[in-house]
C-alpha atoms as a PDB file:
ATOM      1  CA  MET A   1     -82.500 -53.017-103.903  1.00  0.00           C
ATOM      2  CA  LYS A   2     -78.665 -53.614-103.399  1.00  0.00           C
ATOM      3  CA  SER A   3     -76.754 -51.429-105.558  1.00  0.00           C
ATOM      4  CA  TRP A   4     -74.081 -53.470-107.465  1.00  0.00           C
ATOM      5  CA  SER A   5     -70.831 -51.895-108.128  1.00  0.00           C
ATOM      6  CA  HIS A   6     -69.559 -54.533-110.691  1.00  0.00           C
ATOM      7  CA  CYS A   7     -70.863 -56.484-113.681  1.00  0.00           C
ATOM      8  CA  MET A   8     -69.313 -59.143-115.444  1.00  0.00           C
ATOM      9  CA  LEU A   9     -70.027 -59.359-119.417  1.00  0.00           C
ATOM     10  CA  ASP A  10     -69.400 -62.213-121.705  1.00  0.00           C
ATOM     11  CA  LEU A  11     -70.646 -62.600-125.381  1.00  0.00           C
ATOM     12  CA  GLU A  12     -70.531 -65.520-127.558  1.00  0.00           C
ATOM     13  CA  THR A  13     -69.907 -64.213-131.110  1.00  0.00           C
ATOM     14  CA  LEU A  14     -69.080 -65.005-134.777  1.00  0.00           C
ATOM     15  CA  GLY A  15     -66.058 -62.957-134.711  1.00  0.00           C
ATOM     16  CA  THR A  16     -63.435 -61.478-132.746  1.00  0.00           C
ATOM     17  CA  ARG A  17     -63.503 -57.709-133.636  1.00  0.00           C
ATOM     18  CA  PRO A  18     -66.304 -55.080-133.334  1.00  0.00           C
ATOM     19  CA  GLY A  19     -68.874 -55.399-136.063  1.00  0.00           C
ATOM     20  CA  CYS A  20     -69.247 -59.165-135.799  1.00  0.00           C
ATOM     21  CA  ALA A  21     -72.488 -61.075-135.143  1.00  0.00           C
ATOM     22  CA  ILE A  22     -73.313 -61.834-131.591  1.00  0.00           C
ATOM     23  CA  LEU A  23     -74.829 -65.048-130.696  1.00  0.00           C
ATOM     24  CA  SER A  24     -75.658 -64.511-126.826  1.00  0.00           C
ATOM     25  CA  ILE A  25     -75.237 -62.073-124.114  1.00  0.00           C
ATOM     26  CA  GLY A  26     -74.298 -63.252-120.461  1.00  0.00           C
ATOM     27  CA  ALA A  27     -74.110 -60.787-117.563  1.00  0.00           C
ATOM     28  CA  ILE A  28     -73.886 -61.190-113.727  1.00  0.00           C
ATOM     29  CA  ALA A  29     -73.626 -58.553-111.101  1.00  0.00           C
ATOM     30  CA  PHE A  30     -71.100 -59.073-108.352  1.00  0.00           C
ATOM     31  CA  ASP A  31     -69.525 -57.434-105.106  1.00  0.00           C
ATOM     32  CA  PRO A  32     -65.925 -57.948-104.469  1.00  0.00           C
ATOM     33  CA  GLN A  33     -66.271 -56.679-100.942  1.00  0.00           C
ATOM     34  CA  SER A  34     -68.701 -59.188 -99.599  1.00  0.00           C
ATOM     35  CA  GLN A  35     -67.622 -61.754-102.455  1.00  0.00           C
ATOM     36  CA  THR A  36     -71.070 -62.278-103.607  1.00  0.00           C
ATOM     37  CA  LEU A  37     -72.688 -62.817-107.011  1.00  0.00           C
ATOM     38  CA  GLY A  38     -75.948 -60.903-107.803  1.00  0.00           C
ATOM     39  CA  PRO A  39     -78.635 -60.713-110.345  1.00  0.00           C
ATOM     40  CA  SER A  40     -77.775 -62.321-113.801  1.00  0.00           C
ATOM     41  CA  PHE A  41     -78.990 -61.886-117.331  1.00  0.00           C
ATOM     42  CA  TYR A  42     -78.956 -64.297-120.246  1.00  0.00           C
ATOM     43  CA  THR A  43     -80.283 -64.126-124.069  1.00  0.00           C
ATOM     44  CA  ILE A  44     -79.565 -65.691-127.311  1.00  0.00           C
ATOM     45  CA  ILE A  45     -79.556 -63.374-130.383  1.00  0.00           C
ATOM     46  CA  GLY A  46     -81.307 -64.215-133.842  1.00  0.00           C
ATOM     47  CA  ARG A  47     -78.536 -64.648-136.546  1.00  0.00           C
ATOM     48  CA  ARG A  48     -81.007 -63.172-139.042  1.00  0.00           C
ATOM     49  CA  SER A  49     -81.446 -59.972-137.302  1.00  0.00           C
ATOM     50  CA  CYS A  50     -77.440 -59.492-136.847  1.00  0.00           C
ATOM     51  CA  ARG A  51     -77.306 -60.185-140.481  1.00  0.00           C
ATOM     52  CA  GLU A  52     -79.935 -57.504-141.311  1.00  0.00           C
ATOM     53  CA  ALA A  53     -78.026 -54.925-139.073  1.00  0.00           C
ATOM     54  CA  GLY A  54     -74.988 -55.542-141.472  1.00  0.00           C
ATOM     55  CA  LEU A  55     -72.843 -57.536-138.660  1.00  0.00           C
ATOM     56  CA  HIS A  56     -70.457 -59.999-140.019  1.00  0.00           C
ATOM     57  CA  GLU A  57     -69.747 -63.599-139.426  1.00  0.00           C
ATOM     58  CA  ASP A  58     -65.927 -64.873-139.536  1.00  0.00           C
ATOM     59  CA  ARG A  59     -65.152 -68.192-141.461  1.00  0.00           C
ATOM     60  CA  GLY A  60     -62.480 -68.603-138.824  1.00  0.00           C
ATOM     61  CA  THR A  61     -64.755 -68.314-135.959  1.00  0.00           C
ATOM     62  CA  LEU A  62     -67.523 -70.530-137.461  1.00  0.00           C
ATOM     63  CA  GLU A  63     -64.557 -73.239-137.961  1.00  0.00           C
ATOM     64  CA  TRP A  64     -63.707 -72.639-134.323  1.00  0.00           C
ATOM     65  CA  TRP A  65     -67.444 -73.339-133.234  1.00  0.00           C
ATOM     66  CA  ASN A  66     -67.399 -76.444-135.094  1.00  0.00           C
ATOM     67  CA  ARG A  67     -64.860 -77.652-132.944  1.00  0.00           C
ATOM     68  CA  GLN A  68     -66.508 -76.898-129.438  1.00  0.00           C
ATOM     69  CA  THR A  69     -68.599 -79.333-127.322  1.00  0.00           C
ATOM     70  CA  PRO A  70     -72.348 -80.180-128.542  1.00  0.00           C
ATOM     71  CA  GLU A  71     -73.419 -78.461-125.506  1.00  0.00           C
ATOM     72  CA  ALA A  72     -71.563 -75.122-126.288  1.00  0.00           C
ATOM     73  CA  GLN A  73     -72.920 -75.556-130.069  1.00  0.00           C
ATOM     74  CA  THR A  74     -76.685 -75.489-129.005  1.00  0.00           C
ATOM     75  CA  VAL A  75     -76.311 -71.689-129.259  1.00  0.00           C
ATOM     76  CA  LEU A  76     -75.798 -71.859-132.960  1.00  0.00           C
ATOM     77  CA  VAL A  77     -79.128 -73.847-133.484  1.00  0.00           C
ATOM     78  CA  ASP A  78     -81.024 -71.475-131.188  1.00  0.00           C
ATOM     79  CA  ALA A  79     -79.766 -68.502-132.590  1.00  0.00           C
ATOM     80  CA  TYR A  80     -81.870 -69.561-135.909  1.00  0.00           C
ATOM     81  CA  SER A  81     -85.013 -70.094-134.046  1.00  0.00           C
ATOM     82  CA  PHE A  82     -87.690 -67.710-135.058  1.00  0.00           C
ATOM     83  CA  ALA A  83     -88.513 -67.530-131.315  1.00  0.00           C
ATOM     84  CA  THR A  84     -85.104 -66.117-130.360  1.00  0.00           C
ATOM     85  CA  PRO A  85     -85.103 -62.313-129.591  1.00  0.00           C
ATOM     86  CA  THR A  86     -84.094 -60.034-132.605  1.00  0.00           C
ATOM     87  CA  LEU A  87     -80.771 -58.073-132.127  1.00  0.00           C
ATOM     88  CA  THR A  88     -82.762 -54.867-130.990  1.00  0.00           C
ATOM     89  CA  ASP A  89     -85.097 -56.820-128.620  1.00  0.00           C
ATOM     90  CA  ALA A  90     -82.043 -58.479-126.993  1.00  0.00           C
ATOM     91  CA  LEU A  91     -80.214 -55.060-126.635  1.00  0.00           C
ATOM     92  CA  GLY A  92     -83.337 -53.641-125.065  1.00  0.00           C
ATOM     93  CA  GLN A  93     -83.498 -56.638-122.520  1.00  0.00           C
ATOM     94  CA  PHE A  94     -80.120 -56.201-121.447  1.00  0.00           C
ATOM     95  CA  SER A  95     -80.474 -52.310-121.191  1.00  0.00           C
ATOM     96  CA  ALA A  96     -83.621 -53.117-118.791  1.00  0.00           C
ATOM     97  CA  PHE A  97     -81.212 -55.361-116.844  1.00  0.00           C
ATOM     98  CA  MET A  98     -78.756 -52.889-116.344  1.00  0.00           C
ATOM     99  CA  GLN A  99     -80.982 -49.890-115.594  1.00  0.00           C
ATOM    100  CA  PRO A 100     -81.327 -50.382-111.794  1.00  0.00           C
ATOM    101  CA  PHE A 101     -77.287 -50.506-111.473  1.00  0.00           C
ATOM    102  CA  SER A 102     -75.465 -47.422-110.485  1.00  0.00           C
ATOM    103  CA  SER A 103     -73.964 -45.032-112.845  1.00  0.00           C
ATOM    104  CA  GLN A 104     -70.663 -46.016-111.172  1.00  0.00           C
ATOM    105  CA  THR A 105     -71.088 -49.898-111.991  1.00  0.00           C
ATOM    106  CA  ARG A 106     -67.979 -51.006-113.701  1.00  0.00           C
ATOM    107  CA  VAL A 107     -68.528 -53.363-116.463  1.00  0.00           C
ATOM    108  CA  TRP A 108     -66.019 -56.102-116.991  1.00  0.00           C
ATOM    109  CA  GLY A 109     -65.343 -58.144-120.154  1.00  0.00           C
ATOM    110  CA  CYS A 110     -62.468 -60.454-121.137  1.00  0.00           C
ATOM    111  CA  GLY A 111     -60.123 -58.546-123.300  1.00  0.00           C
ATOM    112  CA  ALA A 112     -60.097 -54.584-123.484  1.00  0.00           C
ATOM    113  CA  ASP A 113     -61.063 -55.062-127.336  1.00  0.00           C
ATOM    114  CA  PHE A 114     -63.564 -57.779-126.908  1.00  0.00           C
ATOM    115  CA  ASP A 115     -66.766 -58.130-124.979  1.00  0.00           C
ATOM    116  CA  ASN A 116     -67.296 -54.372-124.176  1.00  0.00           C
ATOM    117  CA  ALA A 117     -65.970 -53.005-127.447  1.00  0.00           C
ATOM    118  CA  ILE A 118     -68.141 -55.337-129.578  1.00  0.00           C
ATOM    119  CA  LEU A 119     -71.271 -54.838-127.613  1.00  0.00           C
ATOM    120  CA  ALA A 120     -70.889 -51.145-127.592  1.00  0.00           C
ATOM    121  CA  HIS A 121     -70.506 -51.137-131.505  1.00  0.00           C
ATOM    122  CA  VAL A 122     -73.509 -53.060-131.726  1.00  0.00           C
ATOM    123  CA  TYR A 123     -75.520 -50.542-129.601  1.00  0.00           C
ATOM    124  CA  ALA A 124     -74.194 -47.973-131.893  1.00  0.00           C
ATOM    125  CA  VAL A 125     -75.179 -49.712-135.079  1.00  0.00           C
ATOM    126  CA  VAL A 126     -78.652 -50.180-133.752  1.00  0.00           C
ATOM    127  CA  GLY A 127     -78.954 -46.580-132.604  1.00  0.00           C
ATOM    128  CA  VAL A 128     -79.748 -47.496-128.764  1.00  0.00           C
ATOM    129  CA  PRO A 129     -77.897 -45.777-125.940  1.00  0.00           C
ATOM    130  CA  LEU A 130     -75.084 -47.633-124.357  1.00  0.00           C
ATOM    131  CA  PRO A 131     -76.535 -48.755-120.746  1.00  0.00           C
ATOM    132  CA  TRP A 132     -73.147 -48.117-118.895  1.00  0.00           C
ATOM    133  CA  ARG A 133     -70.868 -45.182-118.992  1.00  0.00           C
ATOM    134  CA  TYR A 134     -67.771 -45.963-121.274  1.00  0.00           C
ATOM    135  CA  THR A 135     -65.403 -44.548-118.685  1.00  0.00           C
ATOM    136  CA  ASN A 136     -66.653 -47.683-116.532  1.00  0.00           C
ATOM    137  CA  ASN A 137     -65.253 -50.404-118.883  1.00  0.00           C
ATOM    138  CA  ARG A 138     -62.903 -52.833-117.176  1.00  0.00           C
ATOM    139  CA  CYS A 139     -60.736 -55.576-118.448  1.00  0.00           C
ATOM    140  CA  TYR A 140     -60.865 -59.139-116.644  1.00  0.00           C
ATOM    141  CA  ARG A 141     -58.019 -60.540-118.838  1.00  0.00           C
ATOM    142  CA  THR A 142     -55.669 -57.908-117.712  1.00  0.00           C
ATOM    143  CA  LEU A 143     -56.837 -58.366-114.069  1.00  0.00           C
ATOM    144  CA  LYS A 144     -56.281 -62.063-114.087  1.00  0.00           C
ATOM    145  CA  ASN A 145     -52.749 -61.554-115.678  1.00  0.00           C
ATOM    146  CA  LEU A 146     -51.945 -59.001-112.751  1.00  0.00           C
ATOM    147  CA  VAL A 147     -52.354 -61.923-110.363  1.00  0.00           C
ATOM    148  CA  PRO A 148     -50.945 -64.906-112.411  1.00  0.00           C
ATOM    149  CA  ALA A 149     -50.390 -67.069-109.054  1.00  0.00           C
ATOM    150  CA  ARG A 150     -53.986 -67.057-108.200  1.00  0.00           C
ATOM    151  CA  GLU A 151     -55.630 -70.402-108.770  1.00  0.00           C
ATOM    152  CA  GLN A 152     -58.921 -70.367-110.467  1.00  0.00           C
ATOM    153  CA  ARG A 153     -61.835 -72.350-108.951  1.00  0.00           C
ATOM    154  CA  LYS A 154     -62.755 -75.452-110.469  1.00  0.00           C
ATOM    155  CA  ARG A 155     -65.040 -74.549-113.523  1.00  0.00           C
ATOM    156  CA  HIS A 156     -68.829 -75.312-113.464  1.00  0.00           C
ATOM    157  CA  GLY A 157     -71.127 -75.048-116.363  1.00  0.00           C
ATOM    158  CA  VAL A 158     -70.659 -75.078-120.073  1.00  0.00           C
ATOM    159  CA  HIS A 159     -67.674 -73.795-121.577  1.00  0.00           C
ATOM    160  CA  HIS A 160     -68.720 -71.084-124.181  1.00  0.00           C
ATOM    161  CA  ASN A 161     -71.922 -70.590-122.687  1.00  0.00           C
ATOM    162  CA  ALA A 162     -72.032 -66.726-122.073  1.00  0.00           C
ATOM    163  CA  LEU A 163     -73.736 -66.894-118.644  1.00  0.00           C
ATOM    164  CA  ASP A 164     -71.616 -69.720-117.334  1.00  0.00           C
ATOM    165  CA  ASP A 165     -68.470 -68.100-118.545  1.00  0.00           C
ATOM    166  CA  ALA A 166     -69.391 -64.747-116.935  1.00  0.00           C
ATOM    167  CA  ARG A 167     -70.318 -66.341-113.775  1.00  0.00           C
ATOM    168  CA  HIS A 168     -67.011 -68.199-113.624  1.00  0.00           C
ATOM    169  CA  GLN A 169     -65.045 -64.883-114.445  1.00  0.00           C
ATOM    170  CA  ALA A 170     -66.791 -62.970-111.891  1.00  0.00           C
ATOM    171  CA  THR A 171     -65.930 -65.244-109.068  1.00  0.00           C
ATOM    172  CA  HIS A 172     -62.335 -65.295-110.233  1.00  0.00           C
ATOM    173  CA  ALA A 173     -62.373 -61.646-110.563  1.00  0.00           C
ATOM    174  CA  MET A 174     -63.565 -61.288-106.903  1.00  0.00           C
ATOM    175  CA  GLU A 175     -60.568 -63.351-105.719  1.00  0.00           C
ATOM    176  CA  CYS A 176     -58.237 -61.438-107.785  1.00  0.00           C
ATOM    177  CA  LEU A 177     -59.519 -57.981-106.416  1.00  0.00           C
ATOM    178  CA  ALA A 178     -59.637 -59.226-102.750  1.00  0.00           C
ATOM    179  CA  TYR A 179     -55.985 -60.496-103.323  1.00  0.00           C
ATOM    180  CA  LEU A 180     -54.831 -57.026-104.794  1.00  0.00           C
ATOM    181  CA  GLY A 181     -56.664 -55.340-101.922  1.00  0.00           C
ATOM    182  CA  LYS A 182     -54.862 -57.207 -99.440  1.00  0.00           C
ATOM    183  CA  LEU A 183     -51.469 -56.621-101.040  1.00  0.00           C
ATOM    184  CA  TYR A 184     -52.283 -52.857-101.193  1.00  0.00           C
ATOM    185  CA  LYS A 185     -53.032 -52.865 -97.479  1.00  0.00           C
ATOM    186  CA  GLN A 186     -49.729 -54.613 -96.617  1.00  0.00           C
ATOM    187  CA  ASP A 187     -47.589 -52.232 -98.646  1.00  0.00           C
ATOM    188  CA  THR A 188     -49.638 -49.428 -97.127  1.00  0.00           C
ATOM    189  CA  MET A 189     -48.902 -50.594 -93.716  1.00  0.00           C
ATOM    190  CA  GLN A 190     -45.224 -51.057 -94.459  1.00  0.00           C
ATOM    191  CA  HIS A 191     -44.755 -47.382 -95.615  1.00  0.00           C
ATOM    192  CA  LEU A 192     -46.571 -46.273 -92.466  1.00  0.00           C
ATOM    193  CA  GLN A 193     -44.320 -48.122 -90.323  1.00  0.00           C
ATOM    194  CA  ALA A 194     -41.074 -47.281 -92.146  1.00  0.00           C
ATOM    195  CA  SER A 195     -42.398 -43.466 -91.796  1.00  0.00           C
ATOM    196  CA  VAL A 196     -42.929 -43.829 -88.225  1.00  0.00           C
ATOM    197  CA  ALA A 197     -39.502 -45.541 -87.702  1.00  0.00           C
ATOM    198  CA  ALA A 198     -37.663 -42.813 -89.674  1.00  0.00           C
END
């Protein structure tokens, strides 16, 4: 099995800081070198189990959800279904998804204080080990701001569906990393040429 070096994580939540309830987890592996997407993961989480774990719901975020498309809002309905995995079950499923990955796999989220931090807090609340090394946290928002001139691909899927968002972000992240890699090589070559000419 291919060892994936990167994984894009996306959460849909009912808040904006660690300690908030999580509606869904989406993730997809990706490889910047070959520019390919790998295995993906998606689960919705029962809101009742989040409340039982003491996770909060922010009024402002609920109002924000009310302004989203009907397609995006389906996660709110599904999160109330008794067939939806509990918080503990969902975390177990995500840990199982991450288990085959390398211990060096970088886990990307959109915002240094959002996806990764919120999910890490929930793992701590439930008392389950985090399925990636904290030193491998990476910020997609920082990456895309380093390459503001790169035009993002046309968006596919539902906005604010965790897996669709993760897939879009992973695709763009690969393009940004490839662009930065090319700039680094050009800069290194220029320094070498200048050294030789000196």
